[in-house]
């Protein structure tokens, strides 16, 4: 007979319940709620994620199969699929978005220094990219992307050193990747690595003004002039190291 805590309960003990309650109160998550609180919702969704459940129904069935263990897992009783679905639909998502940032800030220092990059570079390095997730148009009619296709776009800012996403934003599939630069708060002295799809000189200049740096692939038609060149060791793979000045009309205007 098990005499100690279940693994799930031990993991949930690492969560700061008071910190979670602060965001629940901020957005009124438990307003007019009798039994199934935001904390119970969080436990159910965390259980589904950690046990690799494929749907809400799968999560609920698995919890019901272990009904006699729920109390020791932190859940007072089982939950129905409709109750969990209603909570996910109606409760303010910002509760969990804000609390996720708290957990990310706790986890990042624990993983720093695990990568070889930290030996050569002290600065924080972020990789920014977006991916389009195709959906069924008949089910996700609100996410129309093409004539016969639905999709959403997932924008992710990844801390390269600790391999933890620090910023996640979901938009309509038709939103261009570069628009996410308008809502990211850039960190001074950090490096942001992006693909050429993020070239927008007005937005990139905001990174410069924030005291941060960006690494980005140039487009083939980039108009510029070389001011001077630095010597490079080509055996390392570097082709050149040049200081340049933009010459395009709008590029000069937006990135002076």
C-alpha atoms as a PDB file:
ATOM      1  CA  UNK A   1       0.000   0.000   0.000  1.00  0.00           C
ATOM      2  CA  UNK A   2       1.327   3.427  -0.933  1.00  0.00           C
ATOM      3  CA  UNK A   3       2.328   5.337   2.201  1.00  0.00           C
ATOM      4  CA  UNK A   4       3.640   8.508   0.550  1.00  0.00           C
ATOM      5  CA  UNK A   5       2.376  11.177  -1.806  1.00  0.00           C
ATOM      6  CA  UNK A   6       1.611  10.393  -5.405  1.00  0.00           C
ATOM      7  CA  UNK A   7       4.067  11.791  -7.958  1.00  0.00           C
ATOM      8  CA  UNK A   8       1.426  14.158  -9.331  1.00  0.00           C
ATOM      9  CA  UNK A   9       0.775  15.570  -5.848  1.00  0.00           C
ATOM     10  CA  UNK A  10       4.510  16.062  -5.322  1.00  0.00           C
ATOM     11  CA  UNK A  11       4.772  17.987  -8.586  1.00  0.00           C
ATOM     12  CA  UNK A  12       1.825  20.189  -7.699  1.00  0.00           C
ATOM     13  CA  UNK A  13       3.413  20.968  -4.321  1.00  0.00           C
ATOM     14  CA  UNK A  14       6.049  22.897  -6.271  1.00  0.00           C
ATOM     15  CA  UNK A  15       3.350  25.307  -7.458  1.00  0.00           C
ATOM     16  CA  UNK A  16       2.935  28.459  -5.379  1.00  0.00           C
ATOM     17  CA  UNK A  17      -0.773  28.322  -4.574  1.00  0.00           C
ATOM     18  CA  UNK A  18      -0.842  31.869  -3.172  1.00  0.00           C
ATOM     19  CA  UNK A  19       0.706  33.217  -6.378  1.00  0.00           C
ATOM     20  CA  UNK A  20      -1.890  31.352  -8.425  1.00  0.00           C
ATOM     21  CA  UNK A  21      -4.716  32.694  -6.252  1.00  0.00           C
ATOM     22  CA  UNK A  22      -3.458  36.244  -6.819  1.00  0.00           C
ATOM     23  CA  UNK A  23      -4.168  35.995 -10.553  1.00  0.00           C
ATOM     24  CA  UNK A  24      -7.478  34.221  -9.977  1.00  0.00           C
ATOM     25  CA  UNK A  25      -8.612  37.128  -7.797  1.00  0.00           C
ATOM     26  CA  UNK A  26      -7.238  39.662 -10.286  1.00  0.00           C
ATOM     27  CA  UNK A  27      -9.466  38.373 -13.087  1.00  0.00           C
ATOM     28  CA  UNK A  28     -12.384  37.141 -10.956  1.00  0.00           C
ATOM     29  CA  UNK A  29     -11.924  33.520 -11.965  1.00  0.00           C
ATOM     30  CA  UNK A  30     -13.884  32.041  -9.059  1.00  0.00           C
ATOM     31  CA  UNK A  31     -16.775  34.505  -9.230  1.00  0.00           C
ATOM     32  CA  UNK A  32     -20.076  32.630  -8.702  1.00  0.00           C
ATOM     33  CA  UNK A  33     -18.200  29.295  -8.687  1.00  0.00           C
ATOM     34  CA  UNK A  34     -19.408  26.735  -6.154  1.00  0.00           C
ATOM     35  CA  UNK A  35     -17.306  23.601  -6.504  1.00  0.00           C
ATOM     36  CA  UNK A  36     -15.057  23.413  -9.558  1.00  0.00           C
ATOM     37  CA  UNK A  37     -12.613  26.247  -8.836  1.00  0.00           C
ATOM     38  CA  UNK A  38      -9.830  27.547 -11.058  1.00  0.00           C
ATOM     39  CA  UNK A  39      -7.329  25.585  -8.984  1.00  0.00           C
ATOM     40  CA  UNK A  40      -9.207  22.338  -9.683  1.00  0.00           C
ATOM     41  CA  UNK A  41      -9.349  23.287 -13.359  1.00  0.00           C
ATOM     42  CA  UNK A  42      -5.591  23.843 -13.321  1.00  0.00           C
ATOM     43  CA  UNK A  43      -5.001  20.447 -11.688  1.00  0.00           C
ATOM     44  CA  UNK A  44      -7.176  18.660 -14.261  1.00  0.00           C
ATOM     45  CA  UNK A  45      -5.502  20.321 -17.235  1.00  0.00           C
ATOM     46  CA  UNK A  46      -2.036  19.754 -15.731  1.00  0.00           C
ATOM     47  CA  UNK A  47      -2.859  16.081 -15.228  1.00  0.00           C
ATOM     48  CA  UNK A  48      -3.954  15.787 -18.850  1.00  0.00           C
ATOM     49  CA  UNK A  49      -0.765  17.457 -20.064  1.00  0.00           C
ATOM     50  CA  UNK A  50       1.641  15.492 -17.864  1.00  0.00           C
ATOM     51  CA  UNK A  51       0.006  12.133 -18.682  1.00  0.00           C
ATOM     52  CA  UNK A  52      -0.202  12.896 -22.429  1.00  0.00           C
ATOM     53  CA  UNK A  53      -3.999  12.762 -22.664  1.00  0.00           C
ATOM     54  CA  UNK A  54      -5.268  13.423 -26.199  1.00  0.00           C
ATOM     55  CA  UNK A  55      -8.543  15.207 -25.378  1.00  0.00           C
ATOM     56  CA  UNK A  56     -10.751  16.469 -22.572  1.00  0.00           C
ATOM     57  CA  UNK A  57     -12.755  13.256 -22.722  1.00  0.00           C
ATOM     58  CA  UNK A  58      -9.566  11.217 -22.427  1.00  0.00           C
ATOM     59  CA  UNK A  59      -8.497  13.306 -19.421  1.00  0.00           C
ATOM     60  CA  UNK A  60     -11.854  12.959 -17.645  1.00  0.00           C
ATOM     61  CA  UNK A  61     -12.096   9.212 -18.269  1.00  0.00           C
ATOM     62  CA  UNK A  62      -8.602   8.704 -16.886  1.00  0.00           C
ATOM     63  CA  UNK A  63      -9.431  10.714 -13.766  1.00  0.00           C
ATOM     64  CA  UNK A  64     -12.688   8.819 -13.251  1.00  0.00           C
ATOM     65  CA  UNK A  65     -10.823   5.520 -13.531  1.00  0.00           C
ATOM     66  CA  UNK A  66      -8.783   6.556 -10.484  1.00  0.00           C
ATOM     67  CA  UNK A  67     -11.646   8.066  -8.511  1.00  0.00           C
ATOM     68  CA  UNK A  68     -10.409   6.652  -5.189  1.00  0.00           C
ATOM     69  CA  UNK A  69      -7.052   8.435  -5.642  1.00  0.00           C
ATOM     70  CA  UNK A  70      -8.345  11.913  -6.515  1.00  0.00           C
ATOM     71  CA  UNK A  71      -8.368  13.198  -2.937  1.00  0.00           C
ATOM     72  CA  UNK A  72      -4.668  12.371  -2.547  1.00  0.00           C
ATOM     73  CA  UNK A  73      -3.960  14.126  -5.874  1.00  0.00           C
ATOM     74  CA  UNK A  74      -5.501  17.379  -4.628  1.00  0.00           C
ATOM     75  CA  UNK A  75      -8.903  16.935  -6.280  1.00  0.00           C
ATOM     76  CA  UNK A  76     -11.818  16.643  -3.898  1.00  0.00           C
ATOM     77  CA  UNK A  77     -13.884  14.666  -6.407  1.00  0.00           C
ATOM     78  CA  UNK A  78     -14.160  13.769 -10.063  1.00  0.00           C
ATOM     79  CA  UNK A  79     -15.226  16.124 -12.816  1.00  0.00           C
ATOM     80  CA  UNK A  80     -17.464  15.707 -15.840  1.00  0.00           C
ATOM     81  CA  UNK A  81     -16.373  16.551 -19.366  1.00  0.00           C
ATOM     82  CA  UNK A  82     -19.042  19.248 -19.715  1.00  0.00           C
ATOM     83  CA  UNK A  83     -17.931  20.982 -16.511  1.00  0.00           C
ATOM     84  CA  UNK A  84     -14.292  21.015 -17.602  1.00  0.00           C
ATOM     85  CA  UNK A  85     -15.198  22.174 -21.108  1.00  0.00           C
ATOM     86  CA  UNK A  86     -17.379  24.995 -19.769  1.00  0.00           C
ATOM     87  CA  UNK A  87     -14.604  26.143 -17.442  1.00  0.00           C
ATOM     88  CA  UNK A  88     -12.088  26.218 -20.314  1.00  0.00           C
ATOM     89  CA  UNK A  89     -14.502  28.164 -22.495  1.00  0.00           C
ATOM     90  CA  UNK A  90     -15.821  30.738 -20.048  1.00  0.00           C
ATOM     91  CA  UNK A  91     -13.032  31.490 -17.590  1.00  0.00           C
ATOM     92  CA  UNK A  92     -10.505  34.217 -18.298  1.00  0.00           C
ATOM     93  CA  UNK A  93      -7.471  32.762 -20.085  1.00  0.00           C
ATOM     94  CA  UNK A  94      -5.278  35.563 -18.738  1.00  0.00           C
ATOM     95  CA  UNK A  95      -5.223  33.819 -15.340  1.00  0.00           C
ATOM     96  CA  UNK A  96      -3.156  30.999 -16.771  1.00  0.00           C
ATOM     97  CA  UNK A  97      -1.188  33.156 -19.211  1.00  0.00           C
ATOM     98  CA  UNK A  98       0.068  35.402 -16.397  1.00  0.00           C
ATOM     99  CA  UNK A  99       0.729  32.480 -14.090  1.00  0.00           C
ATOM    100  CA  UNK A 100       2.648  30.701 -16.862  1.00  0.00           C
ATOM    101  CA  UNK A 101       5.069  33.642 -16.954  1.00  0.00           C
ATOM    102  CA  UNK A 102       5.660  33.165 -13.224  1.00  0.00           C
ATOM    103  CA  UNK A 103       6.524  29.492 -13.749  1.00  0.00           C
ATOM    104  CA  UNK A 104       8.756  30.320 -16.727  1.00  0.00           C
ATOM    105  CA  UNK A 105      10.679  32.903 -14.690  1.00  0.00           C
ATOM    106  CA  UNK A 106      11.213  30.282 -11.983  1.00  0.00           C
ATOM    107  CA  UNK A 107      12.372  27.601 -14.405  1.00  0.00           C
ATOM    108  CA  UNK A 108      14.749  29.633 -16.589  1.00  0.00           C
ATOM    109  CA  UNK A 109      17.485  30.240 -13.960  1.00  0.00           C
ATOM    110  CA  UNK A 110      17.492  26.526 -13.121  1.00  0.00           C
ATOM    111  CA  UNK A 111      18.352  25.593 -16.719  1.00  0.00           C
ATOM    112  CA  UNK A 112      20.853  28.349 -17.537  1.00  0.00           C
ATOM    113  CA  UNK A 113      24.350  27.180 -18.342  1.00  0.00           C
ATOM    114  CA  UNK A 114      23.341  23.747 -19.646  1.00  0.00           C
ATOM    115  CA  UNK A 115      24.235  24.657 -23.241  1.00  0.00           C
ATOM    116  CA  UNK A 116      27.720  25.161 -24.674  1.00  0.00           C
ATOM    117  CA  UNK A 117      26.707  28.640 -25.887  1.00  0.00           C
ATOM    118  CA  UNK A 118      26.760  29.934 -22.330  1.00  0.00           C
ATOM    119  CA  UNK A 119      30.518  29.378 -22.214  1.00  0.00           C
ATOM    120  CA  UNK A 120      31.192  31.808 -25.059  1.00  0.00           C
ATOM    121  CA  UNK A 121      28.290  34.230 -24.718  1.00  0.00           C
ATOM    122  CA  UNK A 122      27.002  35.710 -21.481  1.00  0.00           C
ATOM    123  CA  UNK A 123      24.028  37.468 -23.085  1.00  0.00           C
ATOM    124  CA  UNK A 124      20.575  35.952 -23.275  1.00  0.00           C
ATOM    125  CA  UNK A 125      19.836  34.566 -26.759  1.00  0.00           C
ATOM    126  CA  UNK A 126      16.293  34.296 -28.081  1.00  0.00           C
ATOM    127  CA  UNK A 127      15.088  32.566 -31.242  1.00  0.00           C
ATOM    128  CA  UNK A 128      11.853  33.939 -32.711  1.00  0.00           C
ATOM    129  CA  UNK A 129       9.733  32.062 -35.223  1.00  0.00           C
ATOM    130  CA  UNK A 130       6.148  31.234 -36.107  1.00  0.00           C
ATOM    131  CA  UNK A 131       4.417  28.099 -37.329  1.00  0.00           C
ATOM    132  CA  UNK A 132       1.023  27.647 -38.948  1.00  0.00           C
ATOM    133  CA  UNK A 133      -1.202  24.945 -37.441  1.00  0.00           C
ATOM    134  CA  UNK A 134      -3.786  23.666 -39.926  1.00  0.00           C
ATOM    135  CA  UNK A 135      -7.276  22.936 -38.598  1.00  0.00           C
ATOM    136  CA  UNK A 136     -10.491  21.455 -39.906  1.00  0.00           C
ATOM    137  CA  UNK A 137     -12.647  24.268 -41.302  1.00  0.00           C
ATOM    138  CA  UNK A 138     -15.905  22.485 -40.424  1.00  0.00           C
ATOM    139  CA  UNK A 139     -14.930  22.383 -36.738  1.00  0.00           C
ATOM    140  CA  UNK A 140     -12.841  25.559 -36.440  1.00  0.00           C
ATOM    141  CA  UNK A 141     -14.958  27.790 -38.648  1.00  0.00           C
ATOM    142  CA  UNK A 142     -13.760  30.891 -36.779  1.00  0.00           C
ATOM    143  CA  UNK A 143     -10.153  30.309 -37.912  1.00  0.00           C
ATOM    144  CA  UNK A 144     -10.672  30.562 -41.682  1.00  0.00           C
ATOM    145  CA  UNK A 145      -7.313  30.624 -43.450  1.00  0.00           C
ATOM    146  CA  UNK A 146      -7.957  29.603 -47.043  1.00  0.00           C
ATOM    147  CA  UNK A 147     -11.095  28.910 -49.019  1.00  0.00           C
ATOM    148  CA  UNK A 148     -11.273  25.314 -47.784  1.00  0.00           C
ATOM    149  CA  UNK A 149      -8.839  25.403 -44.873  1.00  0.00           C
ATOM    150  CA  UNK A 150      -8.674  26.741 -41.317  1.00  0.00           C
ATOM    151  CA  UNK A 151      -5.514  27.545 -39.366  1.00  0.00           C
ATOM    152  CA  UNK A 152      -4.001  29.467 -36.481  1.00  0.00           C
ATOM    153  CA  UNK A 153      -0.456  30.770 -36.191  1.00  0.00           C
ATOM    154  CA  UNK A 154       1.729  30.101 -33.164  1.00  0.00           C
ATOM    155  CA  UNK A 155       4.391  32.749 -32.512  1.00  0.00           C
ATOM    156  CA  UNK A 156       7.121  31.556 -30.129  1.00  0.00           C
ATOM    157  CA  UNK A 157      10.106  33.280 -28.524  1.00  0.00           C
ATOM    158  CA  UNK A 158      12.520  30.614 -27.281  1.00  0.00           C
ATOM    159  CA  UNK A 159      15.329  31.103 -24.773  1.00  0.00           C
ATOM    160  CA  UNK A 160      18.053  29.198 -26.616  1.00  0.00           C
ATOM    161  CA  UNK A 161      20.232  28.542 -23.573  1.00  0.00           C
ATOM    162  CA  UNK A 162      17.590  26.839 -21.445  1.00  0.00           C
ATOM    163  CA  UNK A 163      15.306  25.759 -24.324  1.00  0.00           C
ATOM    164  CA  UNK A 164      12.228  27.215 -22.633  1.00  0.00           C
ATOM    165  CA  UNK A 165       9.639  29.296 -24.528  1.00  0.00           C
ATOM    166  CA  UNK A 166       9.386  32.701 -22.854  1.00  0.00           C
ATOM    167  CA  UNK A 167       6.665  34.167 -25.036  1.00  0.00           C
ATOM    168  CA  UNK A 168       3.835  32.437 -26.909  1.00  0.00           C
ATOM    169  CA  UNK A 169       1.165  34.244 -28.906  1.00  0.00           C
ATOM    170  CA  UNK A 170      -1.608  32.651 -30.971  1.00  0.00           C
ATOM    171  CA  UNK A 171      -3.153  34.618 -33.825  1.00  0.00           C
ATOM    172  CA  UNK A 172      -5.281  34.092 -36.877  1.00  0.00           C
ATOM    173  CA  UNK A 173      -3.474  32.159 -39.592  1.00  0.00           C
ATOM    174  CA  UNK A 174      -3.525  35.165 -41.908  1.00  0.00           C
ATOM    175  CA  UNK A 175      -1.509  37.405 -39.544  1.00  0.00           C
ATOM    176  CA  UNK A 176       2.014  38.006 -40.836  1.00  0.00           C
ATOM    177  CA  UNK A 177       4.916  36.878 -38.661  1.00  0.00           C
ATOM    178  CA  UNK A 178       6.431  40.354 -38.375  1.00  0.00           C
ATOM    179  CA  UNK A 179       3.399  41.756 -36.510  1.00  0.00           C
ATOM    180  CA  UNK A 180       4.414  39.959 -33.343  1.00  0.00           C
ATOM    181  CA  UNK A 181       7.351  42.385 -32.967  1.00  0.00           C
ATOM    182  CA  UNK A 182       4.797  45.010 -31.929  1.00  0.00           C
ATOM    183  CA  UNK A 183       3.873  43.195 -28.713  1.00  0.00           C
ATOM    184  CA  UNK A 184       7.199  41.715 -27.582  1.00  0.00           C
ATOM    185  CA  UNK A 185       8.968  43.583 -24.781  1.00  0.00           C
ATOM    186  CA  UNK A 186      12.623  43.538 -25.801  1.00  0.00           C
ATOM    187  CA  UNK A 187      15.261  42.879 -23.161  1.00  0.00           C
ATOM    188  CA  UNK A 188      18.384  45.045 -23.072  1.00  0.00           C
ATOM    189  CA  UNK A 189      21.651  43.325 -24.085  1.00  0.00           C
ATOM    190  CA  UNK A 190      19.754  40.279 -25.367  1.00  0.00           C
ATOM    191  CA  UNK A 191      20.162  38.803 -28.856  1.00  0.00           C
ATOM    192  CA  UNK A 192      17.098  38.072 -31.010  1.00  0.00           C
ATOM    193  CA  UNK A 193      17.682  35.615 -33.854  1.00  0.00           C
ATOM    194  CA  UNK A 194      15.077  35.742 -36.634  1.00  0.00           C
ATOM    195  CA  UNK A 195      14.490  34.714 -40.216  1.00  0.00           C
ATOM    196  CA  UNK A 196      14.156  37.150 -43.102  1.00  0.00           C
ATOM    197  CA  UNK A 197      10.367  37.167 -42.716  1.00  0.00           C
ATOM    198  CA  UNK A 198      10.830  39.593 -39.806  1.00  0.00           C
ATOM    199  CA  UNK A 199      12.604  42.292 -41.807  1.00  0.00           C
ATOM    200  CA  UNK A 200      10.772  45.516 -41.107  1.00  0.00           C
ATOM    201  CA  UNK A 201      13.167  48.373 -40.483  1.00  0.00           C
ATOM    202  CA  UNK A 202      10.787  50.410 -38.349  1.00  0.00           C
ATOM    203  CA  UNK A 203      10.192  47.467 -36.033  1.00  0.00           C
ATOM    204  CA  UNK A 204      13.839  46.398 -36.003  1.00  0.00           C
ATOM    205  CA  UNK A 205      14.834  49.917 -34.998  1.00  0.00           C
ATOM    206  CA  UNK A 206      12.736  49.477 -31.852  1.00  0.00           C
ATOM    207  CA  UNK A 207      15.017  46.589 -30.892  1.00  0.00           C
ATOM    208  CA  UNK A 208      18.004  48.894 -31.310  1.00  0.00           C
ATOM    209  CA  UNK A 209      16.370  51.599 -29.184  1.00  0.00           C
ATOM    210  CA  UNK A 210      15.692  49.018 -26.458  1.00  0.00           C
ATOM    211  CA  UNK A 211      19.444  48.371 -26.189  1.00  0.00           C
ATOM    212  CA  UNK A 212      19.112  44.851 -27.609  1.00  0.00           C
ATOM    213  CA  UNK A 213      20.624  43.194 -30.682  1.00  0.00           C
ATOM    214  CA  UNK A 214      19.129  41.238 -33.565  1.00  0.00           C
ATOM    215  CA  UNK A 215      20.559  38.668 -35.958  1.00  0.00           C
ATOM    216  CA  UNK A 216      18.573  38.308 -39.159  1.00  0.00           C
ATOM    217  CA  UNK A 217      19.007  36.987 -42.677  1.00  0.00           C
ATOM    218  CA  UNK A 218      19.119  39.706 -45.331  1.00  0.00           C
ATOM    219  CA  UNK A 219      16.873  39.661 -48.358  1.00  0.00           C
ATOM    220  CA  UNK A 220      18.480  39.348 -51.797  1.00  0.00           C
ATOM    221  CA  UNK A 221      17.397  42.852 -52.781  1.00  0.00           C
ATOM    222  CA  UNK A 222      18.809  44.586 -49.691  1.00  0.00           C
ATOM    223  CA  UNK A 223      20.099  48.029 -50.744  1.00  0.00           C
ATOM    224  CA  UNK A 224      23.201  49.057 -48.796  1.00  0.00           C
ATOM    225  CA  UNK A 225      26.722  50.383 -49.089  1.00  0.00           C
ATOM    226  CA  UNK A 226      29.808  49.101 -47.298  1.00  0.00           C
ATOM    227  CA  UNK A 227      31.577  51.523 -44.968  1.00  0.00           C
ATOM    228  CA  UNK A 228      34.505  49.291 -43.979  1.00  0.00           C
ATOM    229  CA  UNK A 229      35.408  45.630 -43.483  1.00  0.00           C
ATOM    230  CA  UNK A 230      36.967  43.728 -40.617  1.00  0.00           C
ATOM    231  CA  UNK A 231      39.403  40.863 -41.087  1.00  0.00           C
ATOM    232  CA  UNK A 232      37.868  37.435 -40.601  1.00  0.00           C
ATOM    233  CA  UNK A 233      39.194  33.908 -40.349  1.00  0.00           C
ATOM    234  CA  UNK A 234      37.385  32.240 -43.233  1.00  0.00           C
ATOM    235  CA  UNK A 235      38.315  28.777 -42.028  1.00  0.00           C
ATOM    236  CA  UNK A 236      35.720  29.265 -39.262  1.00  0.00           C
ATOM    237  CA  UNK A 237      32.955  29.608 -41.832  1.00  0.00           C
ATOM    238  CA  UNK A 238      32.661  33.395 -41.810  1.00  0.00           C
ATOM    239  CA  UNK A 239      32.475  34.986 -45.246  1.00  0.00           C
ATOM    240  CA  UNK A 240      32.887  38.605 -44.221  1.00  0.00           C
ATOM    241  CA  UNK A 241      32.423  41.088 -41.375  1.00  0.00           C
ATOM    242  CA  UNK A 242      31.288  44.442 -42.710  1.00  0.00           C
ATOM    243  CA  UNK A 243      29.844  47.630 -41.311  1.00  0.00           C
ATOM    244  CA  UNK A 244      27.205  48.866 -43.755  1.00  0.00           C
ATOM    245  CA  UNK A 245      24.790  51.735 -44.267  1.00  0.00           C
ATOM    246  CA  UNK A 246      21.298  51.235 -45.655  1.00  0.00           C
ATOM    247  CA  UNK A 247      20.584  53.162 -48.859  1.00  0.00           C
ATOM    248  CA  UNK A 248      16.928  52.385 -49.574  1.00  0.00           C
ATOM    249  CA  UNK A 249      14.589  55.376 -49.212  1.00  0.00           C
ATOM    250  CA  UNK A 250      12.234  53.848 -46.650  1.00  0.00           C
ATOM    251  CA  UNK A 251      14.972  51.809 -44.966  1.00  0.00           C
ATOM    252  CA  UNK A 252      16.991  54.962 -44.229  1.00  0.00           C
ATOM    253  CA  UNK A 253      13.855  56.727 -43.009  1.00  0.00           C
ATOM    254  CA  UNK A 254      12.780  53.908 -40.684  1.00  0.00           C
ATOM    255  CA  UNK A 255      16.270  52.817 -39.557  1.00  0.00           C
ATOM    256  CA  UNK A 256      18.354  56.005 -39.405  1.00  0.00           C
END
